[in-house]
Amino acid sequence: TNCILAATWLAGCSGQDQATEADYDDV
């Protein structure tokens, strides 16, 4: 289920982590 992140970027969902810029580059 897609997350809707709060403006503070502190919200998470269902055990999913926030990908970093490095993760995007690596994927």
PDB file of all heavy atoms in Angstrom:
ATOM      1  N   THR A   1       0.845  -1.178   0.000  1.00  0.00           N
ATOM      2  CA  THR A   1       0.000   0.000   0.000  1.00  0.00           C
ATOM      3  C   THR A   1       0.882   1.229   0.000  1.00  0.00           C
ATOM      4  O   THR A   1       1.775   1.356   0.819  1.00  0.00           O
ATOM      5  CB  THR A   1      -0.897   0.025   1.249  1.00  0.00           C
ATOM      6  OG1 THR A   1      -1.668  -1.169   1.272  1.00  0.00           O
ATOM      7  CG2 THR A   1      -1.819   1.233   1.216  1.00  0.00           C
ATOM      8  N   ASN A   2       0.676   2.152  -0.948  1.00  0.00           N
ATOM      9  CA  ASN A   2       1.506   3.351  -1.045  1.00  0.00           C
ATOM     10  C   ASN A   2       1.345   4.223   0.198  1.00  0.00           C
ATOM     11  O   ASN A   2       0.274   4.382   0.754  1.00  0.00           O
ATOM     12  CB  ASN A   2       1.125   4.174  -2.276  1.00  0.00           C
ATOM     13  CG  ASN A   2       1.519   3.475  -3.550  1.00  0.00           C
ATOM     14  OD1 ASN A   2       2.479   2.719  -3.546  1.00  0.00           O
ATOM     15  ND2 ASN A   2       0.811   3.746  -4.621  1.00  0.00           N
ATOM     16  N   CYS A   3       2.455   4.818   0.620  1.00  0.00           N
ATOM     17  CA  CYS A   3       2.436   5.758   1.741  1.00  0.00           C
ATOM     18  C   CYS A   3       2.102   7.149   1.237  1.00  0.00           C
ATOM     19  O   CYS A   3       2.469   7.515   0.142  1.00  0.00           O
ATOM     20  CB  CYS A   3       3.812   5.825   2.398  1.00  0.00           C
ATOM     21  SG  CYS A   3       4.322   4.309   3.191  1.00  0.00           S
ATOM     22  N   ILE A   4       1.417   7.910   2.068  1.00  0.00           N
ATOM     23  CA  ILE A   4       1.272   9.334   1.841  1.00  0.00           C
ATOM     24  C   ILE A   4       2.080  10.011   2.942  1.00  0.00           C
ATOM     25  O   ILE A   4       1.690  10.025   4.101  1.00  0.00           O
ATOM     26  CB  ILE A   4      -0.193   9.777   1.889  1.00  0.00           C
ATOM     27  CG1 ILE A   4      -0.992   9.023   0.829  1.00  0.00           C
ATOM     28  CG2 ILE A   4      -0.306  11.288   1.690  1.00  0.00           C
ATOM     29  CD1 ILE A   4      -2.469   9.350   0.866  1.00  0.00           C
ATOM     30  N   LEU A   5       3.257  10.558   2.585  1.00  0.00           N
ATOM     31  CA  LEU A   5       4.151  11.099   3.591  1.00  0.00           C
ATOM     32  C   LEU A   5       3.663  12.458   4.058  1.00  0.00           C
ATOM     33  O   LEU A   5       3.250  13.293   3.265  1.00  0.00           O
ATOM     34  CB  LEU A   5       5.568  11.237   3.015  1.00  0.00           C
ATOM     35  CG  LEU A   5       6.257   9.916   2.665  1.00  0.00           C
ATOM     36  CD1 LEU A   5       7.609  10.211   2.046  1.00  0.00           C
ATOM     37  CD2 LEU A   5       6.424   9.059   3.893  1.00  0.00           C
ATOM     38  N   ALA A   6       3.733  12.701   5.352  1.00  0.00           N
ATOM     39  CA  ALA A   6       3.378  14.004   5.906  1.00  0.00           C
ATOM     40  C   ALA A   6       4.427  15.025   5.509  1.00  0.00           C
ATOM     41  O   ALA A   6       5.535  14.689   5.100  1.00  0.00           O
ATOM     42  CB  ALA A   6       3.305  13.916   7.436  1.00  0.00           C
ATOM     43  N   ALA A   7       4.072  16.291   5.624  1.00  0.00           N
ATOM     44  CA  ALA A   7       4.990  17.351   5.216  1.00  0.00           C
ATOM     45  C   ALA A   7       6.283  17.306   6.000  1.00  0.00           C
ATOM     46  O   ALA A   7       7.331  17.750   5.536  1.00  0.00           O
ATOM     47  CB  ALA A   7       4.323  18.711   5.389  1.00  0.00           C
ATOM     48  N   THR A   8       6.245  16.764   7.200  1.00  0.00           N
ATOM     49  CA  THR A   8       7.442  16.690   8.029  1.00  0.00           C
ATOM     50  C   THR A   8       8.328  15.519   7.629  1.00  0.00           C
ATOM     51  O   THR A   8       9.429  15.380   8.149  1.00  0.00           O
ATOM     52  CB  THR A   8       7.060  16.518   9.499  1.00  0.00           C
ATOM     53  OG1 THR A   8       6.284  15.333   9.637  1.00  0.00           O
ATOM     54  CG2 THR A   8       6.253  17.713   9.992  1.00  0.00           C
ATOM     55  N   TRP A   9       7.878  14.658   6.720  1.00  0.00           N
ATOM     56  CA  TRP A   9       8.601  13.458   6.276  1.00  0.00           C
ATOM     57  C   TRP A   9       8.829  12.479   7.427  1.00  0.00           C
ATOM     58  O   TRP A   9       9.719  11.649   7.374  1.00  0.00           O
ATOM     59  CB  TRP A   9       9.961  13.825   5.645  1.00  0.00           C
ATOM     60  CG  TRP A   9       9.809  14.530   4.360  1.00  0.00           C
ATOM     61  CD1 TRP A   9       9.693  15.858   4.156  1.00  0.00           C
ATOM     62  CD2 TRP A   9       9.732  13.933   3.057  1.00  0.00           C
ATOM     63  NE1 TRP A   9       9.536  16.136   2.820  1.00  0.00           N
ATOM     64  CE2 TRP A   9       9.568  14.972   2.122  1.00  0.00           C
ATOM     65  CE3 TRP A   9       9.778  12.603   2.595  1.00  0.00           C
ATOM     66  CZ2 TRP A   9       9.437  14.750   0.772  1.00  0.00           C
ATOM     67  CZ3 TRP A   9       9.681  12.377   1.232  1.00  0.00           C
ATOM     68  CH2 TRP A   9       9.502  13.447   0.341  1.00  0.00           C
ATOM     69  N   LEU A  10       7.983  12.556   8.459  1.00  0.00           N
ATOM     70  CA  LEU A  10       8.159  11.654   9.587  1.00  0.00           C
ATOM     71  C   LEU A  10       7.224  10.466   9.545  1.00  0.00           C
ATOM     72  O   LEU A  10       7.369   9.542  10.324  1.00  0.00           O
ATOM     73  CB  LEU A  10       7.938  12.427  10.896  1.00  0.00           C
ATOM     74  CG  LEU A  10       8.943  13.554  11.183  1.00  0.00           C
ATOM     75  CD1 LEU A  10       8.561  14.268  12.476  1.00  0.00           C
ATOM     76  CD2 LEU A  10      10.355  13.004  11.259  1.00  0.00           C
ATOM     77  N   ALA A  11       6.262  10.499   8.637  1.00  0.00           N
ATOM     78  CA  ALA A  11       5.279   9.415   8.598  1.00  0.00           C
ATOM     79  C   ALA A  11       5.844   8.216   7.871  1.00  0.00           C
ATOM     80  O   ALA A  11       6.601   8.325   6.942  1.00  0.00           O
ATOM     81  CB  ALA A  11       4.016   9.895   7.895  1.00  0.00           C
ATOM     82  N   GLY A  12       5.428   7.019   8.294  1.00  0.00           N
ATOM     83  CA  GLY A  12       5.824   5.799   7.614  1.00  0.00           C
ATOM     84  C   GLY A  12       4.613   4.927   7.445  1.00  0.00           C
ATOM     85  O   GLY A  12       3.521   5.281   7.847  1.00  0.00           O
ATOM     86  N   CYS A  13       4.792   3.745   6.816  1.00  0.00           N
ATOM     87  CA  CYS A  13       3.649   2.851   6.699  1.00  0.00           C
ATOM     88  C   CYS A  13       4.092   1.431   6.499  1.00  0.00           C
ATOM     89  O   CYS A  13       5.066   1.167   5.831  1.00  0.00           O
ATOM     90  CB  CYS A  13       2.754   3.276   5.540  1.00  0.00           C
ATOM     91  SG  CYS A  13       3.413   2.928   3.914  1.00  0.00           S
ATOM     92  N   SER A  14       3.370   0.503   7.133  1.00  0.00           N
ATOM     93  CA  SER A  14       3.421  -0.938   6.865  1.00  0.00           C
ATOM     94  C   SER A  14       4.831  -1.494   6.801  1.00  0.00           C
ATOM     95  O   SER A  14       5.129  -2.366   6.003  1.00  0.00           O
ATOM     96  CB  SER A  14       2.691  -1.237   5.548  1.00  0.00           C
ATOM     97  OG  SER A  14       1.375  -0.776   5.592  1.00  0.00           O
ATOM     98  N   GLY A  15       5.749  -0.987   7.625  1.00  0.00           N
ATOM     99  CA  GLY A  15       7.091  -1.527   7.662  1.00  0.00           C
ATOM    100  C   GLY A  15       7.955  -1.109   6.492  1.00  0.00           C
ATOM    101  O   GLY A  15       9.085  -1.561   6.368  1.00  0.00           O
ATOM    102  N   GLN A  16       7.468  -0.243   5.600  1.00  0.00           N
ATOM    103  CA  GLN A  16       8.249   0.205   4.459  1.00  0.00           C
ATOM    104  C   GLN A  16       9.146   1.368   4.860  1.00  0.00           C
ATOM    105  O   GLN A  16       8.740   2.263   5.607  1.00  0.00           O
ATOM    106  CB  GLN A  16       7.329   0.629   3.311  1.00  0.00           C
ATOM    107  CG  GLN A  16       6.530  -0.512   2.720  1.00  0.00           C
ATOM    108  CD  GLN A  16       7.419  -1.567   2.089  1.00  0.00           C
ATOM    109  OE1 GLN A  16       8.232  -1.280   1.210  1.00  0.00           O
ATOM    110  NE2 GLN A  16       7.272  -2.798   2.531  1.00  0.00           N
ATOM    111  N   ASP A  17      10.384   1.370   4.368  1.00  0.00           N
ATOM    112  CA  ASP A  17      11.339   2.419   4.671  1.00  0.00           C
ATOM    113  C   ASP A  17      11.366   3.450   3.552  1.00  0.00           C
ATOM    114  O   ASP A  17      10.952   3.174   2.425  1.00  0.00           O
ATOM    115  CB  ASP A  17      12.736   1.817   4.853  1.00  0.00           C
ATOM    116  CG  ASP A  17      12.776   0.782   5.966  1.00  0.00           C
ATOM    117  OD1 ASP A  17      12.573   1.183   7.119  1.00  0.00           O
ATOM    118  OD2 ASP A  17      12.993  -0.402   5.674  1.00  0.00           O
ATOM    119  N   GLN A  18      11.874   4.628   3.866  1.00  0.00           N
ATOM    120  CA  GLN A  18      12.007   5.670   2.865  1.00  0.00           C
ATOM    121  C   GLN A  18      13.312   5.479   2.117  1.00  0.00           C
ATOM    122  O   GLN A  18      14.393   5.447   2.707  1.00  0.00           O
ATOM    123  CB  GLN A  18      11.982   7.060   3.527  1.00  0.00           C
ATOM    124  CG  GLN A  18      12.100   8.209   2.555  1.00  0.00           C
ATOM    125  CD  GLN A  18      10.866   8.323   1.664  1.00  0.00           C
ATOM    126  OE1 GLN A  18       9.780   7.924   2.078  1.00  0.00           O
ATOM    127  NE2 GLN A  18      11.043   8.847   0.463  1.00  0.00           N
ATOM    128  N   ALA A  19      13.254   5.334   0.804  1.00  0.00           N
ATOM    129  CA  ALA A  19      14.460   5.170   0.002  1.00  0.00           C
ATOM    130  C   ALA A  19      15.258   6.464  -0.012  1.00  0.00           C
ATOM    131  O   ALA A  19      14.699   7.559  -0.079  1.00  0.00           O
ATOM    132  CB  ALA A  19      14.087   4.773  -1.425  1.00  0.00           C
ATOM    133  N   THR A  20      16.570   6.351   0.050  1.00  0.00           N
ATOM    134  CA  THR A  20      17.446   7.511  -0.041  1.00  0.00           C
ATOM    135  C   THR A  20      17.785   7.767  -1.510  1.00  0.00           C
ATOM    136  O   THR A  20      17.514   6.945  -2.395  1.00  0.00           O
ATOM    137  CB  THR A  20      18.749   7.270   0.729  1.00  0.00           C
ATOM    138  OG1 THR A  20      19.481   6.209   0.077  1.00  0.00           O
ATOM    139  CG2 THR A  20      18.458   6.870   2.178  1.00  0.00           C
ATOM    140  N   GLU A  21      18.413   8.920  -1.767  1.00  0.00           N
ATOM    141  CA  GLU A  21      18.848   9.211  -3.134  1.00  0.00           C
ATOM    142  C   GLU A  21      19.828   8.151  -3.621  1.00  0.00           C
ATOM    143  O   GLU A  21      19.795   7.741  -4.784  1.00  0.00           O
ATOM    144  CB  GLU A  21      19.497  10.592  -3.207  1.00  0.00           C
ATOM    145  CG  GLU A  21      19.932  10.983  -4.614  1.00  0.00           C
ATOM    146  CD  GLU A  21      20.436  12.409  -4.724  1.00  0.00           C
ATOM    147  OE1 GLU A  21      20.286  13.160  -3.742  1.00  0.00           O
ATOM    148  OE2 GLU A  21      20.961  12.773  -5.796  1.00  0.00           O
ATOM    149  N   ALA A  22      20.686   7.675  -2.718  1.00  0.00           N
ATOM    150  CA  ALA A  22      21.625   6.614  -3.089  1.00  0.00           C
ATOM    151  C   ALA A  22      20.899   5.338  -3.479  1.00  0.00           C
ATOM    152  O   ALA A  22      21.311   4.629  -4.407  1.00  0.00           O
ATOM    153  CB  ALA A  22      22.583   6.342  -1.925  1.00  0.00           C
ATOM    154  N   ASP A  23      19.804   5.022  -2.789  1.00  0.00           N
ATOM    155  CA  ASP A  23      19.019   3.844  -3.140  1.00  0.00           C
ATOM    156  C   ASP A  23      18.435   3.973  -4.544  1.00  0.00           C
ATOM    157  O   ASP A  23      18.442   3.016  -5.322  1.00  0.00           O
ATOM    158  CB  ASP A  23      17.885   3.625  -2.132  1.00  0.00           C
ATOM    159  CG  ASP A  23      18.377   3.178  -0.774  1.00  0.00           C
ATOM    160  OD1 ASP A  23      19.359   2.421  -0.719  1.00  0.00           O
ATOM    161  OD2 ASP A  23      17.772   3.591   0.232  1.00  0.00           O
ATOM    162  N   TYR A  24      17.917   5.160  -4.868  1.00  0.00           N
ATOM    163  CA  TYR A  24      17.385   5.372  -6.224  1.00  0.00           C
ATOM    164  C   TYR A  24      18.479   5.169  -7.263  1.00  0.00           C
ATOM    165  O   TYR A  24      18.259   4.510  -8.292  1.00  0.00           O
ATOM    166  CB  TYR A  24      16.787   6.775  -6.349  1.00  0.00           C
ATOM    167  CG  TYR A  24      15.414   6.916  -5.743  1.00  0.00           C
ATOM    168  CD1 TYR A  24      15.240   7.507  -4.496  1.00  0.00           C
ATOM    169  CD2 TYR A  24      14.282   6.450  -6.415  1.00  0.00           C
ATOM    170  CE1 TYR A  24      13.978   7.625  -3.927  1.00  0.00           C
ATOM    171  CE2 TYR A  24      13.018   6.572  -5.851  1.00  0.00           C
ATOM    172  CZ  TYR A  24      12.870   7.159  -4.607  1.00  0.00           C
ATOM    173  OH  TYR A  24      11.615   7.268  -4.051  1.00  0.00           O
ATOM    174  N   ASP A  25      19.661   5.721  -7.015  1.00  0.00           N
ATOM    175  CA  ASP A  25      20.768   5.574  -7.959  1.00  0.00           C
ATOM    176  C   ASP A  25      21.147   4.104  -8.132  1.00  0.00           C
ATOM    177  O   ASP A  25      21.389   3.626  -9.252  1.00  0.00           O
ATOM    178  CB  ASP A  25      21.988   6.352  -7.474  1.00  0.00           C
ATOM    179  CG  ASP A  25      21.794   7.856  -7.510  1.00  0.00           C
ATOM    180  OD1 ASP A  25      20.847   8.324  -8.179  1.00  0.00           O
ATOM    181  OD2 ASP A  25      22.597   8.566  -6.878  1.00  0.00           O
ATOM    182  N   ASP A  26      21.190   3.377  -7.024  1.00  0.00           N
ATOM    183  CA  ASP A  26      21.600   1.973  -7.085  1.00  0.00           C
ATOM    184  C   ASP A  26      20.563   1.109  -7.792  1.00  0.00           C
ATOM    185  O   ASP A  26      20.904   0.223  -8.584  1.00  0.00           O
ATOM    186  CB  ASP A  26      21.851   1.437  -5.676  1.00  0.00           C
ATOM    187  CG  ASP A  26      23.068   2.078  -5.020  1.00  0.00           C
ATOM    188  OD1 ASP A  26      23.883   2.685  -5.733  1.00  0.00           O
ATOM    189  OD2 ASP A  26      23.189   1.971  -3.776  1.00  0.00           O
ATOM    190  N   VAL A  27      19.281   1.345  -7.500  1.00  0.00           N
ATOM    191  CA  VAL A  27      18.232   0.587  -8.178  1.00  0.00           C
ATOM    192  C   VAL A  27      18.235   0.898  -9.668  1.00  0.00           C
ATOM    193  O   VAL A  27      18.063  -0.001 -10.507  1.00  0.00           O
ATOM    194  CB  VAL A  27      16.853   0.884  -7.554  1.00  0.00           C
ATOM    195  CG1 VAL A  27      15.731   0.319  -8.413  1.00  0.00           C
ATOM    196  CG2 VAL A  27      16.779   0.291  -6.148  1.00  0.00           C
TER     197      VAL A  27
END
